[in-house]
């Protein structure tokens, strides 16, 4: 009961319609997606300002089962329904056929919204917002570990075409595009972790961090 209840609570499904098997079949699989749109430059006179303008949205979700073992004394009744026998009293205990230590749900918007722009003068701008969470159910301890991450990035770049002519290294590169690409990214992230104890309905924060990073990169192809 615990694993289907966990899936129903964090997937937004009706608990009456969730599959009771901890190892769901192909019928319960839903698609991930990625959507990219680059037709904004075709609107009005925007093509005179932007060389390219791309909007991106993506969603990914996985359900994974940790290590598990089969009960040797499990007796099946109907499919995955059955029971094990208590070693001391020999009384039946309703159970699935597997002893599963943990299951996890990982979902992320990577990104929720992202914009990449290239101007006609080779200036580039990018921004994106990412949101993700990982939910891990420890069935033996009766607790859930919830880790979330929110990240906002904004950046700019510039490409210096034919930088080899600036370095005056000649044109013996065999057709290699010797462009110098410069990029500067500013990233702000907020991460936190919570432990939710199911039996006592108690939630405790275990970790939290806010990070600020500034990254500068330069790339140049010398030769093949």
C-alpha atoms as a PDB file:
ATOM      1  CA  UNK A   1       0.000   0.000   0.000  1.00  0.00           C
ATOM      2  CA  UNK A   2       2.831   2.398   0.893  1.00  0.00           C
ATOM      3  CA  UNK A   3       4.480   2.596  -2.542  1.00  0.00           C
ATOM      4  CA  UNK A   4       1.250   3.178  -4.551  1.00  0.00           C
ATOM      5  CA  UNK A   5       0.228   5.824  -1.980  1.00  0.00           C
ATOM      6  CA  UNK A   6       3.616   7.524  -2.467  1.00  0.00           C
ATOM      7  CA  UNK A   7       3.173   7.525  -6.251  1.00  0.00           C
ATOM      8  CA  UNK A   8      -0.371   8.887  -5.973  1.00  0.00           C
ATOM      9  CA  UNK A   9       0.609  11.659  -3.540  1.00  0.00           C
ATOM     10  CA  UNK A  10       3.474  13.021  -5.615  1.00  0.00           C
ATOM     11  CA  UNK A  11       2.088  12.464  -9.103  1.00  0.00           C
ATOM     12  CA  UNK A  12      -1.297  14.087  -8.465  1.00  0.00           C
ATOM     13  CA  UNK A  13      -3.221  10.952  -9.427  1.00  0.00           C
ATOM     14  CA  UNK A  14      -6.377   9.672  -7.792  1.00  0.00           C
ATOM     15  CA  UNK A  15      -5.399   7.059  -5.183  1.00  0.00           C
ATOM     16  CA  UNK A  16      -8.295   4.883  -6.377  1.00  0.00           C
ATOM     17  CA  UNK A  17      -6.821   4.677  -9.883  1.00  0.00           C
ATOM     18  CA  UNK A  18      -3.122   4.118  -9.123  1.00  0.00           C
ATOM     19  CA  UNK A  19      -1.710   0.735 -10.091  1.00  0.00           C
ATOM     20  CA  UNK A  20      -0.926  -1.294  -6.955  1.00  0.00           C
ATOM     21  CA  UNK A  21       2.110  -3.042  -8.398  1.00  0.00           C
ATOM     22  CA  UNK A  22       5.425  -1.456  -7.293  1.00  0.00           C
ATOM     23  CA  UNK A  23       6.831  -2.375 -10.728  1.00  0.00           C
ATOM     24  CA  UNK A  24       4.419  -0.636 -13.139  1.00  0.00           C
ATOM     25  CA  UNK A  25       3.987  -1.872 -16.681  1.00  0.00           C
ATOM     26  CA  UNK A  26       4.163  -0.135 -20.033  1.00  0.00           C
ATOM     27  CA  UNK A  27       0.537   1.012 -19.773  1.00  0.00           C
ATOM     28  CA  UNK A  28       1.414   3.415 -16.952  1.00  0.00           C
ATOM     29  CA  UNK A  29       4.340   5.086 -18.757  1.00  0.00           C
ATOM     30  CA  UNK A  30       3.834   8.716 -19.790  1.00  0.00           C
ATOM     31  CA  UNK A  31       6.070  10.544 -22.292  1.00  0.00           C
ATOM     32  CA  UNK A  32       8.655  13.179 -21.465  1.00  0.00           C
ATOM     33  CA  UNK A  33       8.836  16.115 -23.840  1.00  0.00           C
ATOM     34  CA  UNK A  34      10.989  18.899 -25.208  1.00  0.00           C
ATOM     35  CA  UNK A  35       9.549  21.831 -27.176  1.00  0.00           C
ATOM     36  CA  UNK A  36      11.665  24.288 -29.166  1.00  0.00           C
ATOM     37  CA  UNK A  37      10.300  27.229 -31.113  1.00  0.00           C
ATOM     38  CA  UNK A  38      12.476  29.397 -33.367  1.00  0.00           C
ATOM     39  CA  UNK A  39       9.901  31.147 -35.570  1.00  0.00           C
ATOM     40  CA  UNK A  40       9.843  34.470 -33.726  1.00  0.00           C
ATOM     41  CA  UNK A  41      12.262  36.042 -36.215  1.00  0.00           C
ATOM     42  CA  UNK A  42       9.584  35.609 -38.917  1.00  0.00           C
ATOM     43  CA  UNK A  43       7.259  38.020 -37.127  1.00  0.00           C
ATOM     44  CA  UNK A  44       7.223  41.582 -38.390  1.00  0.00           C
ATOM     45  CA  UNK A  45      10.630  43.201 -38.703  1.00  0.00           C
ATOM     46  CA  UNK A  46      12.311  41.143 -35.984  1.00  0.00           C
ATOM     47  CA  UNK A  47      14.491  39.363 -38.557  1.00  0.00           C
ATOM     48  CA  UNK A  48      16.294  42.670 -39.081  1.00  0.00           C
ATOM     49  CA  UNK A  49      17.287  42.675 -35.381  1.00  0.00           C
ATOM     50  CA  UNK A  50      17.810  39.015 -34.511  1.00  0.00           C
ATOM     51  CA  UNK A  51      19.746  36.386 -36.420  1.00  0.00           C
ATOM     52  CA  UNK A  52      18.058  33.714 -34.293  1.00  0.00           C
ATOM     53  CA  UNK A  53      15.575  33.694 -31.404  1.00  0.00           C
ATOM     54  CA  UNK A  54      14.865  30.321 -29.769  1.00  0.00           C
ATOM     55  CA  UNK A  55      12.495  29.473 -26.909  1.00  0.00           C
ATOM     56  CA  UNK A  56      12.904  26.099 -25.205  1.00  0.00           C
ATOM     57  CA  UNK A  57      10.827  24.117 -22.709  1.00  0.00           C
ATOM     58  CA  UNK A  58      11.515  20.566 -21.518  1.00  0.00           C
ATOM     59  CA  UNK A  59      10.156  18.137 -18.923  1.00  0.00           C
ATOM     60  CA  UNK A  60      11.702  14.875 -17.713  1.00  0.00           C
ATOM     61  CA  UNK A  61      10.423  12.411 -15.133  1.00  0.00           C
ATOM     62  CA  UNK A  62      11.656   8.983 -14.058  1.00  0.00           C
ATOM     63  CA  UNK A  63      10.399   6.424 -11.543  1.00  0.00           C
ATOM     64  CA  UNK A  64      13.040   4.013 -10.276  1.00  0.00           C
ATOM     65  CA  UNK A  65      13.026   1.072  -7.900  1.00  0.00           C
ATOM     66  CA  UNK A  66      16.065   0.467  -5.706  1.00  0.00           C
ATOM     67  CA  UNK A  67      17.519  -2.919  -4.880  1.00  0.00           C
ATOM     68  CA  UNK A  68      14.907  -5.502  -3.967  1.00  0.00           C
ATOM     69  CA  UNK A  69      14.617  -9.211  -3.193  1.00  0.00           C
ATOM     70  CA  UNK A  70      11.875 -11.803  -3.493  1.00  0.00           C
ATOM     71  CA  UNK A  71      10.196 -13.350  -0.472  1.00  0.00           C
ATOM     72  CA  UNK A  72      10.920 -17.091  -0.445  1.00  0.00           C
ATOM     73  CA  UNK A  73       7.785 -17.848   1.597  1.00  0.00           C
ATOM     74  CA  UNK A  74       5.454 -15.633  -0.427  1.00  0.00           C
ATOM     75  CA  UNK A  75       2.211 -17.290  -1.521  1.00  0.00           C
ATOM     76  CA  UNK A  76       0.384 -15.736  -4.461  1.00  0.00           C
ATOM     77  CA  UNK A  77      -3.382 -15.508  -4.709  1.00  0.00           C
ATOM     78  CA  UNK A  78      -4.079 -13.323  -7.743  1.00  0.00           C
ATOM     79  CA  UNK A  79      -1.199 -11.819  -9.696  1.00  0.00           C
ATOM     80  CA  UNK A  80       0.800  -9.584  -7.331  1.00  0.00           C
ATOM     81  CA  UNK A  81      -1.691 -10.122  -4.497  1.00  0.00           C
ATOM     82  CA  UNK A  82      -0.682 -12.602  -1.816  1.00  0.00           C
ATOM     83  CA  UNK A  83       0.856 -13.019   1.612  1.00  0.00           C
ATOM     84  CA  UNK A  84       3.904 -14.214   3.508  1.00  0.00           C
ATOM     85  CA  UNK A  85       3.868 -16.346   6.641  1.00  0.00           C
ATOM     86  CA  UNK A  86       5.089 -15.091  10.001  1.00  0.00           C
ATOM     87  CA  UNK A  87       7.996 -17.352  11.004  1.00  0.00           C
ATOM     88  CA  UNK A  88       6.870 -17.519  14.644  1.00  0.00           C
ATOM     89  CA  UNK A  89       3.089 -17.650  14.471  1.00  0.00           C
ATOM     90  CA  UNK A  90       2.701 -18.901  10.902  1.00  0.00           C
ATOM     91  CA  UNK A  91      -0.038 -16.302  10.441  1.00  0.00           C
ATOM     92  CA  UNK A  92      -0.487 -14.795   6.958  1.00  0.00           C
ATOM     93  CA  UNK A  93       0.742 -11.225   6.409  1.00  0.00           C
ATOM     94  CA  UNK A  94      -0.553  -9.427   3.282  1.00  0.00           C
ATOM     95  CA  UNK A  95       2.441  -8.577   1.140  1.00  0.00           C
ATOM     96  CA  UNK A  96       3.705  -8.020  -2.360  1.00  0.00           C
ATOM     97  CA  UNK A  97       6.092 -10.665  -3.744  1.00  0.00           C
ATOM     98  CA  UNK A  98       9.105  -8.319  -3.373  1.00  0.00           C
ATOM     99  CA  UNK A  99      10.923  -6.748  -0.450  1.00  0.00           C
ATOM    100  CA  UNK A 100      11.665  -3.291  -1.868  1.00  0.00           C
ATOM    101  CA  UNK A 101      13.988  -1.050   0.125  1.00  0.00           C
ATOM    102  CA  UNK A 102      13.314   2.211  -1.703  1.00  0.00           C
ATOM    103  CA  UNK A 103      11.695   3.844  -4.721  1.00  0.00           C
ATOM    104  CA  UNK A 104      12.366   7.291  -6.163  1.00  0.00           C
ATOM    105  CA  UNK A 105      10.685   9.840  -8.399  1.00  0.00           C
ATOM    106  CA  UNK A 106      12.902  12.366 -10.177  1.00  0.00           C
ATOM    107  CA  UNK A 107      11.298  15.106 -12.202  1.00  0.00           C
ATOM    108  CA  UNK A 108      12.736  18.257 -13.659  1.00  0.00           C
ATOM    109  CA  UNK A 109      11.921  21.161 -15.921  1.00  0.00           C
ATOM    110  CA  UNK A 110      15.190  21.422 -17.826  1.00  0.00           C
ATOM    111  CA  UNK A 111      14.430  24.198 -18.510  1.00  0.00           C
ATOM    112  CA  UNK A 112      10.977  25.371 -17.528  1.00  0.00           C
ATOM    113  CA  UNK A 113      11.610  28.256 -19.910  1.00  0.00           C
ATOM    114  CA  UNK A 114      14.778  29.109 -21.791  1.00  0.00           C
ATOM    115  CA  UNK A 115      15.565  31.828 -24.306  1.00  0.00           C
ATOM    116  CA  UNK A 116      18.598  32.024 -26.615  1.00  0.00           C
ATOM    117  CA  UNK A 117      19.098  35.077 -28.826  1.00  0.00           C
ATOM    118  CA  UNK A 118      21.755  35.846 -31.444  1.00  0.00           C
ATOM    119  CA  UNK A 119      22.041  39.329 -32.890  1.00  0.00           C
ATOM    120  CA  UNK A 120      23.328  40.185 -36.339  1.00  0.00           C
ATOM    121  CA  UNK A 121      26.479  41.670 -34.784  1.00  0.00           C
ATOM    122  CA  UNK A 122      27.341  38.230 -33.232  1.00  0.00           C
ATOM    123  CA  UNK A 123      26.227  39.226 -29.743  1.00  0.00           C
ATOM    124  CA  UNK A 124      24.377  36.410 -27.945  1.00  0.00           C
ATOM    125  CA  UNK A 125      22.090  36.470 -24.913  1.00  0.00           C
ATOM    126  CA  UNK A 126      20.621  33.564 -22.990  1.00  0.00           C
ATOM    127  CA  UNK A 127      18.444  33.082 -19.938  1.00  0.00           C
ATOM    128  CA  UNK A 128      16.713  30.063 -18.433  1.00  0.00           C
ATOM    129  CA  UNK A 129      14.910  28.880 -15.318  1.00  0.00           C
ATOM    130  CA  UNK A 130      15.263  25.283 -14.118  1.00  0.00           C
ATOM    131  CA  UNK A 131      13.212  23.539 -11.440  1.00  0.00           C
ATOM    132  CA  UNK A 132      13.756  19.969 -10.254  1.00  0.00           C
ATOM    133  CA  UNK A 133      13.013  17.653  -7.351  1.00  0.00           C
ATOM    134  CA  UNK A 134      13.985  14.141  -6.275  1.00  0.00           C
ATOM    135  CA  UNK A 135      11.662  12.193  -3.961  1.00  0.00           C
ATOM    136  CA  UNK A 136      12.947   9.031  -2.316  1.00  0.00           C
ATOM    137  CA  UNK A 137      10.722   6.724  -0.260  1.00  0.00           C
ATOM    138  CA  UNK A 138      12.539   4.537   2.264  1.00  0.00           C
ATOM    139  CA  UNK A 139       9.936   1.874   2.944  1.00  0.00           C
ATOM    140  CA  UNK A 140      11.748   0.219   5.860  1.00  0.00           C
ATOM    141  CA  UNK A 141      12.276   3.517   7.743  1.00  0.00           C
ATOM    142  CA  UNK A 142       8.882   4.897   6.758  1.00  0.00           C
ATOM    143  CA  UNK A 143      10.208   8.248   5.593  1.00  0.00           C
ATOM    144  CA  UNK A 144      10.565  10.354   2.450  1.00  0.00           C
ATOM    145  CA  UNK A 145      13.597  12.420   1.500  1.00  0.00           C
ATOM    146  CA  UNK A 146      12.627  15.383  -0.686  1.00  0.00           C
ATOM    147  CA  UNK A 147      15.392  17.346  -2.434  1.00  0.00           C
ATOM    148  CA  UNK A 148      14.501  20.392  -4.543  1.00  0.00           C
ATOM    149  CA  UNK A 149      16.558  22.720  -6.692  1.00  0.00           C
ATOM    150  CA  UNK A 150      15.636  26.016  -8.365  1.00  0.00           C
ATOM    151  CA  UNK A 151      18.133  27.688 -10.687  1.00  0.00           C
ATOM    152  CA  UNK A 152      18.096  30.919 -12.671  1.00  0.00           C
ATOM    153  CA  UNK A 153      20.798  31.667 -15.258  1.00  0.00           C
ATOM    154  CA  UNK A 154      21.424  34.719 -17.395  1.00  0.00           C
ATOM    155  CA  UNK A 155      24.347  35.151 -19.758  1.00  0.00           C
ATOM    156  CA  UNK A 156      25.819  36.979 -22.694  1.00  0.00           C
ATOM    157  CA  UNK A 157      28.468  36.207 -25.268  1.00  0.00           C
ATOM    158  CA  UNK A 158      30.284  37.504 -28.298  1.00  0.00           C
ATOM    159  CA  UNK A 159      31.940  35.745 -31.224  1.00  0.00           C
ATOM    160  CA  UNK A 160      34.958  37.326 -32.887  1.00  0.00           C
ATOM    161  CA  UNK A 161      35.011  35.889 -36.391  1.00  0.00           C
ATOM    162  CA  UNK A 162      38.326  34.952 -38.052  1.00  0.00           C
ATOM    163  CA  UNK A 163      40.335  35.619 -34.919  1.00  0.00           C
ATOM    164  CA  UNK A 164      43.382  34.063 -36.612  1.00  0.00           C
ATOM    165  CA  UNK A 165      43.723  37.240 -38.671  1.00  0.00           C
ATOM    166  CA  UNK A 166      43.977  39.211 -35.424  1.00  0.00           C
ATOM    167  CA  UNK A 167      46.694  36.865 -34.173  1.00  0.00           C
ATOM    168  CA  UNK A 168      48.360  37.056 -37.585  1.00  0.00           C
ATOM    169  CA  UNK A 169      49.068  33.325 -37.657  1.00  0.00           C
ATOM    170  CA  UNK A 170      48.395  32.960 -41.352  1.00  0.00           C
ATOM    171  CA  UNK A 171      45.760  30.904 -43.144  1.00  0.00           C
ATOM    172  CA  UNK A 172      47.295  27.431 -42.973  1.00  0.00           C
ATOM    173  CA  UNK A 173      44.535  25.957 -40.868  1.00  0.00           C
ATOM    174  CA  UNK A 174      43.017  23.815 -43.591  1.00  0.00           C
ATOM    175  CA  UNK A 175      39.550  25.332 -43.555  1.00  0.00           C
ATOM    176  CA  UNK A 176      39.143  25.435 -39.758  1.00  0.00           C
ATOM    177  CA  UNK A 177      36.883  28.256 -38.549  1.00  0.00           C
ATOM    178  CA  UNK A 178      39.175  30.139 -36.176  1.00  0.00           C
ATOM    179  CA  UNK A 179      36.510  32.076 -34.288  1.00  0.00           C
ATOM    180  CA  UNK A 180      36.963  33.211 -30.701  1.00  0.00           C
ATOM    181  CA  UNK A 181      33.792  32.699 -28.636  1.00  0.00           C
ATOM    182  CA  UNK A 182      33.448  34.525 -25.324  1.00  0.00           C
ATOM    183  CA  UNK A 183      30.686  33.735 -22.807  1.00  0.00           C
ATOM    184  CA  UNK A 184      29.793  35.141 -19.394  1.00  0.00           C
ATOM    185  CA  UNK A 185      27.090  33.425 -17.283  1.00  0.00           C
ATOM    186  CA  UNK A 186      25.551  34.462 -13.982  1.00  0.00           C
ATOM    187  CA  UNK A 187      23.766  31.696 -12.052  1.00  0.00           C
ATOM    188  CA  UNK A 188      21.711  31.839  -8.842  1.00  0.00           C
ATOM    189  CA  UNK A 189      20.564  28.523  -7.336  1.00  0.00           C
ATOM    190  CA  UNK A 190      18.531  27.567  -4.281  1.00  0.00           C
ATOM    191  CA  UNK A 191      18.772  23.955  -3.020  1.00  0.00           C
ATOM    192  CA  UNK A 192      17.112  22.344  -0.020  1.00  0.00           C
ATOM    193  CA  UNK A 193      16.449  18.888   1.429  1.00  0.00           C
ATOM    194  CA  UNK A 194      13.664  17.713   3.724  1.00  0.00           C
ATOM    195  CA  UNK A 195      12.948  14.476   5.562  1.00  0.00           C
ATOM    196  CA  UNK A 196       9.272  13.653   5.988  1.00  0.00           C
ATOM    197  CA  UNK A 197       8.522  10.995   8.618  1.00  0.00           C
ATOM    198  CA  UNK A 198       5.270   9.340   7.618  1.00  0.00           C
ATOM    199  CA  UNK A 199       4.148   7.776  10.894  1.00  0.00           C
ATOM    200  CA  UNK A 200       4.614  10.916  13.012  1.00  0.00           C
ATOM    201  CA  UNK A 201       3.682  13.355  10.185  1.00  0.00           C
ATOM    202  CA  UNK A 202       6.833  15.338  11.006  1.00  0.00           C
ATOM    203  CA  UNK A 203       9.005  17.224   8.514  1.00  0.00           C
ATOM    204  CA  UNK A 204      12.592  18.256   9.240  1.00  0.00           C
ATOM    205  CA  UNK A 205      14.941  20.331   7.112  1.00  0.00           C
ATOM    206  CA  UNK A 206      18.323  18.631   6.704  1.00  0.00           C
ATOM    207  CA  UNK A 207      20.163  20.745   4.166  1.00  0.00           C
ATOM    208  CA  UNK A 208      19.875  24.064   2.382  1.00  0.00           C
ATOM    209  CA  UNK A 209      22.152  26.221   0.277  1.00  0.00           C
ATOM    210  CA  UNK A 210      21.967  29.319  -1.876  1.00  0.00           C
ATOM    211  CA  UNK A 211      24.749  29.613  -4.434  1.00  0.00           C
ATOM    212  CA  UNK A 212      25.856  32.484  -6.620  1.00  0.00           C
ATOM    213  CA  UNK A 213      28.280  31.780  -9.457  1.00  0.00           C
ATOM    214  CA  UNK A 214      29.856  33.821 -12.220  1.00  0.00           C
ATOM    215  CA  UNK A 215      31.482  31.859 -15.048  1.00  0.00           C
ATOM    216  CA  UNK A 216      33.537  33.190 -17.925  1.00  0.00           C
ATOM    217  CA  UNK A 217      34.680  30.956 -20.792  1.00  0.00           C
ATOM    218  CA  UNK A 218      36.603  31.501 -23.996  1.00  0.00           C
ATOM    219  CA  UNK A 219      36.948  28.898 -26.756  1.00  0.00           C
ATOM    220  CA  UNK A 220      39.200  28.958 -29.800  1.00  0.00           C
ATOM    221  CA  UNK A 221      40.090  26.261 -32.335  1.00  0.00           C
ATOM    222  CA  UNK A 222      43.787  26.329 -33.209  1.00  0.00           C
ATOM    223  CA  UNK A 223      43.740  23.534 -35.782  1.00  0.00           C
ATOM    224  CA  UNK A 224      42.094  20.247 -36.681  1.00  0.00           C
END
